[in-house]
Amino acid sequence: MKVVSFLKSEAKKAKTLFLVGDIFDFWFEWKHSVPAGGFRVLAALHELKLSGCEIHYLAGNHDGHPGKFLEKEVGLHVTRGSIQAEIDGSRFFIIHGDGAAKGDWGYRILRALVRWKPTESIYRLIHPDFGIWFANRISKASRQHLSKEDKFGLDPYKEYALKKIDQGYDYVIMGHRHKAGYFPHGDGAFLSIGEWIRAGSYGVFENGKLTLNYFKD
């Protein structure tokens, strides 16, 4: 599994790791259950945490229901919003990106609905076996639909990111679109992180420089 291999090799070189959402195709925490499919990734993340790497987990639209398990058992710093960080003197704005495009009202409404506390409480009443199966079917159908129709491309997300840079950030990093791209702007840049299932793309900030990299294997 190339993601696990990456976490056990290249990621160990990092002081801090930012996971920019949709790490899992579906994630939801019941009181006594979590999806079993992510076990190997969670174990590798926990091992990386124990080695001294600080890991920030930013919820995406597929894995937007992180809870106490990821924080207490795995050791991740979890947020559902954006992350503003200063690293080696550079200002970063890190966001998953669902709803960032001006015309992306569908994602904004869906995000508000599925992350609404009553919605989460109702979903926890469903047996995990059915809840996980149902969510995976919906997620698969969504991927198939989006693969046939690229509604926005990267342009509106790029527009959003460049405005953030104009507001004073040096770098903006975004996930969501599953399309990798590096766009310099002034003295900074926008990095669309892409995805790590097929393309295997990820970003590295080292010696004051942000780069777009790919898994070697």
N, C-alpha and C. Protein backbone atom coordinates (compact mmCIF):
# COMPACT_ATOMS: atom_id res chain seq x y z
N MET A 1 0.85 -1.18 0.00
CA MET A 1 0.00 0.00 0.00
C MET A 1 0.89 1.24 0.00
N LYS A 2 0.85 2.00 -1.08
CA LYS A 2 1.83 3.08 -1.24
C LYS A 2 1.67 4.20 -0.22
N VAL A 3 0.44 4.44 0.26
CA VAL A 3 0.24 5.49 1.26
C VAL A 3 0.94 5.11 2.56
N VAL A 4 0.78 3.87 2.99
CA VAL A 4 1.44 3.40 4.21
C VAL A 4 2.95 3.44 4.05
N SER A 5 3.44 3.02 2.88
CA SER A 5 4.89 3.07 2.63
C SER A 5 5.41 4.49 2.69
N PHE A 6 4.64 5.44 2.15
CA PHE A 6 5.02 6.85 2.20
C PHE A 6 5.10 7.34 3.64
N LEU A 7 4.10 7.02 4.45
CA LEU A 7 4.07 7.47 5.84
C LEU A 7 5.23 6.87 6.64
N LYS A 8 5.66 5.68 6.26
CA LYS A 8 6.74 5.02 7.00
C LYS A 8 8.12 5.39 6.49
N SER A 9 8.18 6.10 5.36
CA SER A 9 9.49 6.44 4.80
C SER A 9 9.65 7.95 4.65
N GLU A 10 9.09 8.53 3.59
CA GLU A 10 9.28 9.95 3.31
C GLU A 10 8.72 10.85 4.40
N ALA A 11 7.53 10.51 4.93
CA ALA A 11 6.89 11.37 5.93
C ALA A 11 7.68 11.44 7.22
N LYS A 12 8.51 10.44 7.49
CA LYS A 12 9.30 10.44 8.72
C LYS A 12 10.37 11.53 8.73
N LYS A 13 10.63 12.11 7.56
CA LYS A 13 11.60 13.20 7.48
C LYS A 13 10.99 14.52 7.92
N ALA A 14 9.67 14.58 8.04
CA ALA A 14 8.97 15.84 8.31
C ALA A 14 8.84 16.11 9.80
N LYS A 15 8.93 17.39 10.16
CA LYS A 15 8.62 17.80 11.53
C LYS A 15 7.12 17.89 11.73
N THR A 16 6.42 18.32 10.68
CA THR A 16 4.98 18.50 10.74
C THR A 16 4.36 17.96 9.46
N LEU A 17 3.24 17.26 9.61
CA LEU A 17 2.50 16.72 8.46
C LEU A 17 1.08 17.28 8.49
N PHE A 18 0.65 17.85 7.36
CA PHE A 18 -0.72 18.35 7.23
C PHE A 18 -1.48 17.43 6.28
N LEU A 19 -2.55 16.85 6.76
CA LEU A 19 -3.44 16.03 5.94
C LEU A 19 -4.63 16.89 5.56
N VAL A 20 -4.81 17.15 4.25
CA VAL A 20 -5.71 18.21 3.81
C VAL A 20 -7.08 17.65 3.37
N GLY A 21 -7.57 16.64 4.07
CA GLY A 21 -8.92 16.16 3.86
C GLY A 21 -9.07 15.08 2.81
N ASP A 22 -10.17 14.32 2.89
CA ASP A 22 -10.47 13.19 2.02
C ASP A 22 -9.36 12.14 2.06
N ILE A 23 -8.76 12.00 3.23
CA ILE A 23 -7.78 10.93 3.43
C ILE A 23 -8.49 9.58 3.35
N PHE A 24 -9.70 9.56 3.87
CA PHE A 24 -10.54 8.36 3.81
C PHE A 24 -11.73 8.63 2.89
N ASP A 25 -12.18 7.60 2.21
CA ASP A 25 -13.34 7.74 1.35
C ASP A 25 -14.59 8.02 2.19
N PHE A 26 -14.58 7.54 3.42
CA PHE A 26 -15.64 7.85 4.37
C PHE A 26 -15.09 7.67 5.78
N TRP A 27 -15.40 8.63 6.64
CA TRP A 27 -15.03 8.50 8.05
C TRP A 27 -16.15 9.05 8.92
N PHE A 28 -16.59 8.24 9.87
CA PHE A 28 -17.61 8.66 10.83
C PHE A 28 -17.37 7.85 12.11
N GLU A 29 -17.46 8.51 13.24
CA GLU A 29 -17.20 7.84 14.51
C GLU A 29 -18.49 7.64 15.29
N TRP A 30 -18.82 6.36 15.51
CA TRP A 30 -19.86 6.02 16.44
C TRP A 30 -19.26 5.95 17.85
N LYS A 31 -20.08 5.74 18.85
CA LYS A 31 -19.58 5.75 20.22
C LYS A 31 -18.56 4.64 20.45
N HIS A 32 -18.82 3.47 19.87
CA HIS A 32 -17.93 2.32 20.10
C HIS A 32 -17.39 1.74 18.79
N SER A 33 -17.54 2.45 17.68
CA SER A 33 -17.12 1.90 16.39
C SER A 33 -16.54 2.99 15.50
N VAL A 34 -15.55 2.60 14.69
CA VAL A 34 -15.01 3.45 13.64
C VAL A 34 -14.82 2.57 12.41
N PRO A 35 -14.76 3.14 11.21
CA PRO A 35 -14.56 2.32 10.00
C PRO A 35 -13.25 1.54 10.06
N ALA A 36 -13.34 0.26 9.79
CA ALA A 36 -12.17 -0.61 9.90
C ALA A 36 -11.23 -0.48 8.70
N GLY A 37 -11.73 0.03 7.57
CA GLY A 37 -10.94 0.05 6.35
C GLY A 37 -9.69 0.91 6.42
N GLY A 38 -9.66 1.87 7.34
CA GLY A 38 -8.50 2.75 7.44
C GLY A 38 -7.48 2.32 8.46
N PHE A 39 -7.56 1.07 8.95
CA PHE A 39 -6.70 0.65 10.06
C PHE A 39 -5.22 0.81 9.77
N ARG A 40 -4.77 0.35 8.61
CA ARG A 40 -3.33 0.38 8.32
C ARG A 40 -2.81 1.81 8.22
N VAL A 41 -3.62 2.70 7.65
CA VAL A 41 -3.23 4.10 7.56
C VAL A 41 -3.19 4.72 8.95
N LEU A 42 -4.21 4.42 9.77
CA LEU A 42 -4.25 4.96 11.13
C LEU A 42 -3.07 4.47 11.96
N ALA A 43 -2.73 3.19 11.80
CA ALA A 43 -1.59 2.63 12.53
C ALA A 43 -0.29 3.32 12.11
N ALA A 44 -0.14 3.57 10.80
CA ALA A 44 1.07 4.24 10.31
C ALA A 44 1.13 5.69 10.81
N LEU A 45 -0.02 6.36 10.86
CA LEU A 45 -0.06 7.73 11.38
C LEU A 45 0.29 7.77 12.85
N HIS A 46 -0.22 6.80 13.60
CA HIS A 46 0.10 6.73 15.04
C HIS A 46 1.59 6.49 15.25
N GLU A 47 2.15 5.60 14.45
CA GLU A 47 3.59 5.33 14.54
C GLU A 47 4.40 6.57 14.20
N LEU A 48 3.95 7.31 13.19
CA LEU A 48 4.62 8.55 12.80
C LEU A 48 4.54 9.58 13.92
N LYS A 49 3.37 9.67 14.56
CA LYS A 49 3.20 10.58 15.69
C LYS A 49 4.16 10.22 16.82
N LEU A 50 4.30 8.95 17.13
CA LEU A 50 5.19 8.51 18.20
C LEU A 50 6.65 8.80 17.88
N SER A 51 6.97 8.90 16.59
CA SER A 51 8.35 9.19 16.20
C SER A 51 8.70 10.66 16.38
N GLY A 52 7.69 11.50 16.67
CA GLY A 52 7.95 12.91 16.94
C GLY A 52 7.37 13.88 15.93
N CYS A 53 6.69 13.37 14.91
CA CYS A 53 6.09 14.23 13.89
C CYS A 53 4.74 14.76 14.39
N GLU A 54 4.53 16.05 14.26
CA GLU A 54 3.25 16.65 14.62
C GLU A 54 2.32 16.55 13.41
N ILE A 55 1.12 16.00 13.62
CA ILE A 55 0.22 15.72 12.50
C ILE A 55 -1.08 16.49 12.67
N HIS A 56 -1.42 17.28 11.66
CA HIS A 56 -2.67 18.03 11.64
C HIS A 56 -3.60 17.39 10.61
N TYR A 57 -4.81 17.12 11.05
CA TYR A 57 -5.81 16.46 10.20
C TYR A 57 -6.94 17.44 9.94
N LEU A 58 -7.12 17.81 8.67
CA LEU A 58 -8.14 18.76 8.27
C LEU A 58 -9.26 17.99 7.57
N ALA A 59 -10.45 18.04 8.13
CA ALA A 59 -11.56 17.25 7.61
C ALA A 59 -11.97 17.72 6.22
N GLY A 60 -12.25 16.76 5.33
CA GLY A 60 -12.72 17.06 3.99
C GLY A 60 -14.21 16.80 3.86
N ASN A 61 -14.71 16.75 2.64
CA ASN A 61 -16.14 16.48 2.45
C ASN A 61 -16.45 14.99 2.52
N HIS A 62 -15.46 14.13 2.32
CA HIS A 62 -15.67 12.69 2.45
C HIS A 62 -15.44 12.21 3.88
N ASP A 63 -14.52 12.86 4.57
CA ASP A 63 -14.19 12.42 5.94
C ASP A 63 -14.42 13.58 6.92
N GLY A 64 -15.61 14.18 6.82
CA GLY A 64 -15.90 15.40 7.56
C GLY A 64 -16.41 15.22 8.97
N HIS A 65 -16.32 14.00 9.52
CA HIS A 65 -16.85 13.76 10.87
C HIS A 65 -15.80 13.17 11.80
N PRO A 66 -14.63 13.79 11.89
CA PRO A 66 -13.62 13.29 12.83
C PRO A 66 -14.05 13.56 14.27
N GLY A 67 -13.61 12.71 15.16
CA GLY A 67 -13.99 12.87 16.57
C GLY A 67 -12.85 12.53 17.50
N LYS A 68 -13.21 12.07 18.68
CA LYS A 68 -12.23 11.86 19.74
C LYS A 68 -11.25 10.73 19.43
N PHE A 69 -11.68 9.76 18.62
CA PHE A 69 -10.79 8.63 18.33
C PHE A 69 -9.52 9.09 17.62
N LEU A 70 -9.67 9.92 16.60
CA LEU A 70 -8.50 10.39 15.87
C LEU A 70 -7.59 11.24 16.74
N GLU A 71 -8.17 11.97 17.67
CA GLU A 71 -7.37 12.81 18.56
C GLU A 71 -6.72 12.01 19.67
N LYS A 72 -7.51 11.22 20.40
CA LYS A 72 -7.01 10.53 21.59
C LYS A 72 -6.25 9.26 21.29
N GLU A 73 -6.73 8.47 20.33
CA GLU A 73 -6.11 7.17 20.05
C GLU A 73 -4.99 7.25 19.01
N VAL A 74 -5.19 8.10 18.00
CA VAL A 74 -4.18 8.20 16.94
C VAL A 74 -3.19 9.33 17.23
N GLY A 75 -3.66 10.39 17.88
CA GLY A 75 -2.78 11.48 18.26
C GLY A 75 -2.73 12.62 17.26
N LEU A 76 -3.82 12.82 16.50
CA LEU A 76 -3.85 13.87 15.50
C LEU A 76 -4.46 15.15 16.07
N HIS A 77 -4.03 16.30 15.52
CA HIS A 77 -4.68 17.57 15.80
C HIS A 77 -5.75 17.75 14.74
N VAL A 78 -7.01 17.76 15.15
CA VAL A 78 -8.12 17.72 14.21
C VAL A 78 -8.82 19.07 14.13
N THR A 79 -9.14 19.49 12.89
CA THR A 79 -9.94 20.70 12.69
C THR A 79 -10.89 20.49 11.53
N ARG A 80 -12.06 21.14 11.60
CA ARG A 80 -13.03 21.06 10.51
C ARG A 80 -13.00 22.31 9.64
N GLY A 81 -12.21 23.27 9.99
CA GLY A 81 -12.16 24.51 9.22
C GLY A 81 -10.86 24.64 8.45
N SER A 82 -10.28 25.82 8.49
CA SER A 82 -9.00 26.06 7.83
C SER A 82 -7.89 26.12 8.87
N ILE A 83 -6.67 26.04 8.39
CA ILE A 83 -5.50 26.13 9.26
C ILE A 83 -4.65 27.29 8.79
N GLN A 84 -4.35 28.20 9.69
CA GLN A 84 -3.40 29.28 9.40
C GLN A 84 -2.15 29.00 10.22
N ALA A 85 -1.03 28.88 9.56
CA ALA A 85 0.20 28.50 10.24
C ALA A 85 1.38 29.32 9.72
N GLU A 86 2.32 29.59 10.61
CA GLU A 86 3.57 30.22 10.20
C GLU A 86 4.68 29.19 10.33
N ILE A 87 5.35 28.92 9.23
CA ILE A 87 6.39 27.90 9.20
C ILE A 87 7.66 28.52 8.64
N ASP A 88 8.70 28.55 9.45
CA ASP A 88 9.99 29.11 9.03
C ASP A 88 9.84 30.50 8.42
N GLY A 89 8.97 31.30 9.03
CA GLY A 89 8.80 32.68 8.58
C GLY A 89 7.82 32.90 7.45
N SER A 90 7.23 31.83 6.92
CA SER A 90 6.25 31.95 5.84
C SER A 90 4.84 31.68 6.37
N ARG A 91 3.88 32.46 5.88
CA ARG A 91 2.49 32.32 6.32
C ARG A 91 1.72 31.40 5.38
N PHE A 92 1.09 30.39 5.95
CA PHE A 92 0.34 29.40 5.19
C PHE A 92 -1.15 29.48 5.51
N PHE A 93 -1.95 29.34 4.47
CA PHE A 93 -3.40 29.17 4.63
C PHE A 93 -3.74 27.82 4.02
N ILE A 94 -4.21 26.89 4.85
CA ILE A 94 -4.44 25.52 4.42
C ILE A 94 -5.93 25.21 4.59
N ILE A 95 -6.55 24.74 3.52
CA ILE A 95 -7.99 24.49 3.54
C ILE A 95 -8.30 23.29 2.65
N HIS A 96 -9.36 22.55 3.00
CA HIS A 96 -9.72 21.43 2.12
C HIS A 96 -10.20 21.96 0.78
N GLY A 97 -11.17 22.88 0.80
CA GLY A 97 -11.55 23.55 -0.44
C GLY A 97 -12.98 23.35 -0.89
N ASP A 98 -13.74 22.41 -0.28
CA ASP A 98 -15.14 22.25 -0.70
C ASP A 98 -15.92 23.52 -0.35
N GLY A 99 -16.56 24.09 -1.36
CA GLY A 99 -17.30 25.32 -1.16
C GLY A 99 -16.51 26.58 -1.42
N ALA A 100 -15.22 26.46 -1.73
CA ALA A 100 -14.39 27.65 -1.95
C ALA A 100 -14.72 28.37 -3.25
N ALA A 101 -15.12 27.61 -4.28
CA ALA A 101 -15.46 28.24 -5.55
C ALA A 101 -16.73 29.07 -5.41
N LYS A 102 -16.79 30.19 -6.12
CA LYS A 102 -17.93 31.10 -6.01
C LYS A 102 -19.26 30.40 -6.31
N GLY A 103 -19.28 29.57 -7.34
CA GLY A 103 -20.52 28.93 -7.73
C GLY A 103 -20.75 27.58 -7.08
N ASP A 104 -19.95 27.25 -6.09
CA ASP A 104 -19.99 25.92 -5.47
C ASP A 104 -21.02 25.86 -4.34
N TRP A 105 -22.23 26.33 -4.61
CA TRP A 105 -23.26 26.37 -3.56
C TRP A 105 -23.70 24.97 -3.16
N GLY A 106 -23.63 24.04 -4.07
CA GLY A 106 -24.04 22.67 -3.74
C GLY A 106 -23.22 22.10 -2.61
N TYR A 107 -21.89 22.26 -2.70
CA TYR A 107 -21.02 21.74 -1.65
C TYR A 107 -21.22 22.50 -0.34
N ARG A 108 -21.48 23.81 -0.42
CA ARG A 108 -21.68 24.58 0.80
C ARG A 108 -22.93 24.13 1.54
N ILE A 109 -24.00 23.92 0.78
CA ILE A 109 -25.25 23.47 1.40
C ILE A 109 -25.10 22.06 1.95
N LEU A 110 -24.46 21.17 1.15
CA LEU A 110 -24.27 19.79 1.58
C LEU A 110 -23.41 19.73 2.83
N ARG A 111 -22.33 20.51 2.86
CA ARG A 111 -21.44 20.51 4.02
C ARG A 111 -22.18 20.97 5.27
N ALA A 112 -22.97 22.04 5.14
CA ALA A 112 -23.73 22.53 6.29
C ALA A 112 -24.72 21.49 6.78
N LEU A 113 -25.33 20.76 5.85
CA LEU A 113 -26.33 19.76 6.22
C LEU A 113 -25.70 18.55 6.91
N VAL A 114 -24.65 17.99 6.29
CA VAL A 114 -24.08 16.76 6.84
C VAL A 114 -23.29 17.00 8.12
N ARG A 115 -22.79 18.22 8.31
CA ARG A 115 -22.05 18.51 9.54
C ARG A 115 -22.94 19.12 10.63
N TRP A 116 -24.20 19.27 10.34
CA TRP A 116 -25.15 19.76 11.32
C TRP A 116 -25.26 18.74 12.45
N LYS A 117 -25.17 19.20 13.68
CA LYS A 117 -25.14 18.31 14.84
C LYS A 117 -26.33 17.35 14.89
N PRO A 118 -27.57 17.81 14.64
CA PRO A 118 -28.69 16.86 14.62
C PRO A 118 -28.53 15.77 13.56
N THR A 119 -27.94 16.13 12.39
CA THR A 119 -27.72 15.12 11.35
C THR A 119 -26.74 14.06 11.85
N GLU A 120 -25.67 14.47 12.50
CA GLU A 120 -24.69 13.53 13.04
C GLU A 120 -25.33 12.65 14.10
N SER A 121 -26.16 13.24 14.96
CA SER A 121 -26.81 12.47 16.03
C SER A 121 -27.74 11.41 15.45
N ILE A 122 -28.47 11.76 14.40
CA ILE A 122 -29.38 10.81 13.76
C ILE A 122 -28.59 9.68 13.09
N TYR A 123 -27.48 10.02 12.43
CA TYR A 123 -26.70 9.01 11.73
C TYR A 123 -26.08 8.01 12.71
N ARG A 124 -25.79 8.46 13.92
CA ARG A 124 -25.22 7.55 14.91
C ARG A 124 -26.23 6.50 15.38
N LEU A 125 -27.50 6.73 15.12
CA LEU A 125 -28.52 5.74 15.48
C LEU A 125 -28.54 4.58 14.49
N ILE A 126 -27.91 4.77 13.31
CA ILE A 126 -27.85 3.71 12.30
C ILE A 126 -26.74 2.73 12.66
N HIS A 127 -26.97 1.46 12.45
CA HIS A 127 -25.94 0.45 12.72
C HIS A 127 -24.72 0.73 11.84
N PRO A 128 -23.51 0.67 12.41
CA PRO A 128 -22.30 0.98 11.62
C PRO A 128 -22.16 0.17 10.34
N ASP A 129 -22.54 -1.10 10.36
CA ASP A 129 -22.40 -1.92 9.15
C ASP A 129 -23.19 -1.32 7.99
N PHE A 130 -24.42 -0.89 8.28
CA PHE A 130 -25.23 -0.28 7.23
C PHE A 130 -24.77 1.14 6.94
N GLY A 131 -24.42 1.89 7.98
CA GLY A 131 -24.00 3.28 7.80
C GLY A 131 -22.77 3.41 6.93
N ILE A 132 -21.79 2.52 7.12
CA ILE A 132 -20.56 2.56 6.32
C ILE A 132 -20.84 2.09 4.90
N TRP A 133 -21.63 1.02 4.75
CA TRP A 133 -21.98 0.53 3.41
C TRP A 133 -22.70 1.61 2.61
N PHE A 134 -23.68 2.25 3.22
CA PHE A 134 -24.47 3.27 2.55
C PHE A 134 -23.60 4.45 2.13
N ALA A 135 -22.75 4.93 3.03
CA ALA A 135 -21.88 6.07 2.73
C ALA A 135 -20.91 5.74 1.61
N ASN A 136 -20.37 4.52 1.60
CA ASN A 136 -19.44 4.13 0.54
C ASN A 136 -20.13 4.06 -0.81
N ARG A 137 -21.38 3.63 -0.84
CA ARG A 137 -22.12 3.59 -2.11
C ARG A 137 -22.35 5.01 -2.63
N ILE A 138 -22.73 5.92 -1.74
CA ILE A 138 -22.95 7.32 -2.14
C ILE A 138 -21.65 7.94 -2.64
N SER A 139 -20.55 7.66 -1.93
CA SER A 139 -19.26 8.21 -2.31
C SER A 139 -18.81 7.70 -3.67
N LYS A 140 -19.02 6.41 -3.93
CA LYS A 140 -18.64 5.84 -5.22
C LYS A 140 -19.44 6.46 -6.35
N ALA A 141 -20.75 6.64 -6.14
CA ALA A 141 -21.59 7.25 -7.16
C ALA A 141 -21.17 8.69 -7.42
N SER A 142 -20.79 9.39 -6.37
CA SER A 142 -20.34 10.78 -6.51
C SER A 142 -19.07 10.86 -7.33
N ARG A 143 -18.11 9.97 -7.08
CA ARG A 143 -16.85 9.96 -7.83
C ARG A 143 -17.10 9.69 -9.31
N GLN A 144 -17.97 8.74 -9.59
CA GLN A 144 -18.27 8.40 -10.98
C GLN A 144 -18.91 9.57 -11.71
N HIS A 145 -19.78 10.30 -11.02
CA HIS A 145 -20.43 11.46 -11.63
C HIS A 145 -19.43 12.57 -11.91
N LEU A 146 -18.57 12.85 -10.92
CA LEU A 146 -17.62 13.94 -11.07
C LEU A 146 -16.54 13.62 -12.10
N SER A 147 -16.23 12.33 -12.27
CA SER A 147 -15.22 11.95 -13.26
C SER A 147 -15.72 12.19 -14.67
N LYS A 148 -17.04 12.20 -14.87
CA LYS A 148 -17.61 12.43 -16.19
C LYS A 148 -17.83 13.92 -16.47
N GLU A 149 -18.01 14.69 -15.40
CA GLU A 149 -18.33 16.10 -15.59
C GLU A 149 -17.49 16.94 -14.65
N ASP A 150 -16.54 17.69 -15.20
CA ASP A 150 -15.72 18.58 -14.39
C ASP A 150 -16.38 19.95 -14.40
N LYS A 151 -17.13 20.24 -13.37
CA LYS A 151 -17.98 21.43 -13.37
C LYS A 151 -17.18 22.72 -13.25
N PHE A 152 -16.12 22.71 -12.43
CA PHE A 152 -15.44 23.95 -12.13
C PHE A 152 -13.99 23.99 -12.63
N GLY A 153 -13.31 22.85 -12.70
CA GLY A 153 -11.89 22.88 -12.97
C GLY A 153 -11.17 23.51 -11.78
N LEU A 154 -9.97 24.00 -12.01
CA LEU A 154 -9.20 24.62 -10.92
C LEU A 154 -9.31 26.14 -10.88
N ASP A 155 -9.81 26.75 -11.94
CA ASP A 155 -9.78 28.21 -12.05
C ASP A 155 -10.44 28.94 -10.88
N PRO A 156 -11.67 28.60 -10.45
CA PRO A 156 -12.27 29.35 -9.35
C PRO A 156 -11.57 29.12 -8.02
N TYR A 157 -10.96 27.96 -7.84
CA TYR A 157 -10.21 27.68 -6.62
C TYR A 157 -8.89 28.45 -6.63
N LYS A 158 -8.31 28.54 -7.81
CA LYS A 158 -7.11 29.35 -7.97
C LYS A 158 -7.40 30.81 -7.67
N GLU A 159 -8.54 31.30 -8.15
CA GLU A 159 -8.93 32.69 -7.89
C GLU A 159 -9.07 32.93 -6.38
N TYR A 160 -9.69 31.99 -5.70
CA TYR A 160 -9.86 32.08 -4.24
C TYR A 160 -8.49 32.13 -3.55
N ALA A 161 -7.60 31.25 -3.98
CA ALA A 161 -6.29 31.15 -3.36
C ALA A 161 -5.44 32.40 -3.58
N LEU A 162 -5.45 32.92 -4.80
CA LEU A 162 -4.63 34.09 -5.10
C LEU A 162 -5.10 35.32 -4.32
N LYS A 163 -6.39 35.41 -4.05
CA LYS A 163 -6.90 36.49 -3.21
C LYS A 163 -6.35 36.38 -1.79
N LYS A 164 -6.24 35.15 -1.30
CA LYS A 164 -5.67 34.94 0.03
C LYS A 164 -4.21 35.38 0.07
N ILE A 165 -3.48 35.10 -0.99
CA ILE A 165 -2.08 35.52 -1.05
C ILE A 165 -2.00 37.04 -1.08
N ASP A 166 -2.88 37.67 -1.84
CA ASP A 166 -2.92 39.14 -1.89
C ASP A 166 -3.25 39.74 -0.53
N GLN A 167 -3.93 38.97 0.32
CA GLN A 167 -4.29 39.44 1.65
C GLN A 167 -3.15 39.28 2.66
N GLY A 168 -2.05 38.64 2.23
CA GLY A 168 -0.90 38.57 3.11
C GLY A 168 -0.32 37.20 3.36
N TYR A 169 -0.97 36.16 2.85
CA TYR A 169 -0.40 34.82 3.01
C TYR A 169 0.66 34.58 1.94
N ASP A 170 1.65 33.79 2.30
CA ASP A 170 2.69 33.44 1.34
C ASP A 170 2.28 32.25 0.48
N TYR A 171 1.65 31.28 1.12
CA TYR A 171 1.27 30.06 0.41
C TYR A 171 -0.16 29.64 0.80
N VAL A 172 -0.90 29.19 -0.19
CA VAL A 172 -2.22 28.62 0.03
C VAL A 172 -2.19 27.18 -0.48
N ILE A 173 -2.61 26.26 0.38
CA ILE A 173 -2.63 24.84 0.03
C ILE A 173 -4.06 24.35 0.13
N MET A 174 -4.50 23.64 -0.91
CA MET A 174 -5.89 23.20 -0.98
C MET A 174 -5.96 21.78 -1.53
N GLY A 175 -6.93 21.02 -1.03
CA GLY A 175 -7.19 19.68 -1.55
C GLY A 175 -8.45 19.69 -2.40
N HIS A 176 -9.33 18.75 -2.14
CA HIS A 176 -10.69 18.68 -2.69
C HIS A 176 -10.78 18.35 -4.18
N ARG A 177 -10.09 19.10 -5.04
CA ARG A 177 -10.30 18.94 -6.48
C ARG A 177 -9.63 17.70 -7.06
N HIS A 178 -8.71 17.10 -6.32
CA HIS A 178 -8.02 15.89 -6.79
C HIS A 178 -7.21 16.15 -8.06
N LYS A 179 -6.91 17.43 -8.31
CA LYS A 179 -6.07 17.80 -9.44
C LYS A 179 -4.85 18.56 -8.92
N ALA A 180 -3.68 18.03 -9.20
CA ALA A 180 -2.47 18.67 -8.70
C ALA A 180 -2.06 19.84 -9.58
N GLY A 181 -1.55 20.88 -8.94
CA GLY A 181 -1.07 22.03 -9.69
C GLY A 181 -0.34 23.00 -8.78
N TYR A 182 0.71 23.63 -9.31
CA TYR A 182 1.49 24.62 -8.56
C TYR A 182 1.46 25.92 -9.34
N PHE A 183 0.98 27.00 -8.68
CA PHE A 183 0.77 28.27 -9.37
C PHE A 183 1.46 29.40 -8.60
N PRO A 184 2.63 29.83 -9.05
CA PRO A 184 3.32 30.96 -8.39
C PRO A 184 2.50 32.23 -8.50
N HIS A 185 2.60 33.06 -7.47
CA HIS A 185 1.88 34.33 -7.46
C HIS A 185 2.66 35.30 -6.59
N GLY A 186 3.24 36.32 -7.21
CA GLY A 186 4.10 37.24 -6.46
C GLY A 186 5.28 36.48 -5.87
N ASP A 187 5.48 36.65 -4.57
CA ASP A 187 6.54 35.92 -3.88
C ASP A 187 6.05 34.62 -3.27
N GLY A 188 4.77 34.29 -3.51
CA GLY A 188 4.19 33.08 -2.94
C GLY A 188 3.67 32.15 -4.01
N ALA A 189 2.74 31.27 -3.63
CA ALA A 189 2.20 30.31 -4.58
C ALA A 189 0.96 29.63 -4.02
N PHE A 190 0.14 29.13 -4.95
CA PHE A 190 -1.00 28.29 -4.62
C PHE A 190 -0.67 26.87 -5.03
N LEU A 191 -0.85 25.94 -4.08
CA LEU A 191 -0.62 24.53 -4.36
C LEU A 191 -1.93 23.76 -4.22
N SER A 192 -2.41 23.22 -5.34
CA SER A 192 -3.52 22.29 -5.31
C SER A 192 -2.91 20.91 -5.12
N ILE A 193 -3.16 20.32 -3.97
CA ILE A 193 -2.38 19.17 -3.52
C ILE A 193 -2.65 17.91 -4.34
N GLY A 194 -3.81 17.89 -5.05
CA GLY A 194 -4.11 16.70 -5.84
C GLY A 194 -4.61 15.55 -4.99
N GLU A 195 -4.23 14.33 -5.32
CA GLU A 195 -4.68 13.17 -4.55
C GLU A 195 -3.61 12.10 -4.56
N TRP A 196 -3.72 11.17 -3.59
CA TRP A 196 -2.63 10.20 -3.44
C TRP A 196 -3.05 8.77 -3.74
N ILE A 197 -4.21 8.58 -4.38
CA ILE A 197 -4.63 7.23 -4.74
C ILE A 197 -4.07 6.84 -6.11
N ARG A 198 -4.26 7.71 -7.10
CA ARG A 198 -3.77 7.42 -8.46
C ARG A 198 -2.49 8.20 -8.77
N ALA A 199 -2.57 9.53 -8.64
CA ALA A 199 -1.40 10.36 -8.99
C ALA A 199 -0.32 10.30 -7.92
N GLY A 200 -0.73 10.16 -6.66
CA GLY A 200 0.25 10.10 -5.58
C GLY A 200 0.98 11.41 -5.37
N SER A 201 0.24 12.52 -5.39
CA SER A 201 0.88 13.83 -5.26
C SER A 201 0.83 14.34 -3.83
N TYR A 202 1.84 15.12 -3.46
CA TYR A 202 1.90 15.72 -2.13
C TYR A 202 2.83 16.93 -2.19
N GLY A 203 2.74 17.79 -1.19
CA GLY A 203 3.57 18.99 -1.16
C GLY A 203 4.64 18.89 -0.08
N VAL A 204 5.75 19.54 -0.32
CA VAL A 204 6.85 19.60 0.65
C VAL A 204 7.31 21.04 0.78
N PHE A 205 7.44 21.50 2.02
CA PHE A 205 8.02 22.81 2.28
C PHE A 205 9.34 22.59 3.02
N GLU A 206 10.42 22.96 2.37
CA GLU A 206 11.75 22.70 2.92
C GLU A 206 12.71 23.79 2.46
N ASN A 207 13.50 24.28 3.41
CA ASN A 207 14.48 25.34 3.12
C ASN A 207 13.82 26.55 2.46
N GLY A 208 12.63 26.89 2.94
CA GLY A 208 11.94 28.08 2.44
C GLY A 208 11.31 27.94 1.08
N LYS A 209 11.19 26.71 0.57
CA LYS A 209 10.65 26.49 -0.77
C LYS A 209 9.55 25.43 -0.73
N LEU A 210 8.41 25.73 -1.38
CA LEU A 210 7.30 24.80 -1.48
C LEU A 210 7.34 24.11 -2.84
N THR A 211 7.25 22.79 -2.85
CA THR A 211 7.31 22.04 -4.11
C THR A 211 6.17 21.02 -4.16
N LEU A 212 5.82 20.63 -5.37
CA LEU A 212 4.83 19.57 -5.62
C LEU A 212 5.60 18.31 -5.98
N ASN A 213 5.39 17.27 -5.20
CA ASN A 213 6.11 16.00 -5.40
C ASN A 213 5.13 14.86 -5.68
N TYR A 214 5.71 13.72 -6.08
CA TYR A 214 4.88 12.53 -6.35
C TYR A 214 5.54 11.32 -5.73
N PHE A 215 4.72 10.34 -5.35
CA PHE A 215 5.25 9.09 -4.83
C PHE A 215 6.18 8.46 -5.85
N LYS A 216 7.29 7.94 -5.40
CA LYS A 216 8.26 7.35 -6.30
C LYS A 216 7.75 6.05 -6.91
N ASP A 217 6.91 5.33 -6.16
CA ASP A 217 6.44 4.05 -6.68
C ASP A 217 5.04 4.16 -7.24
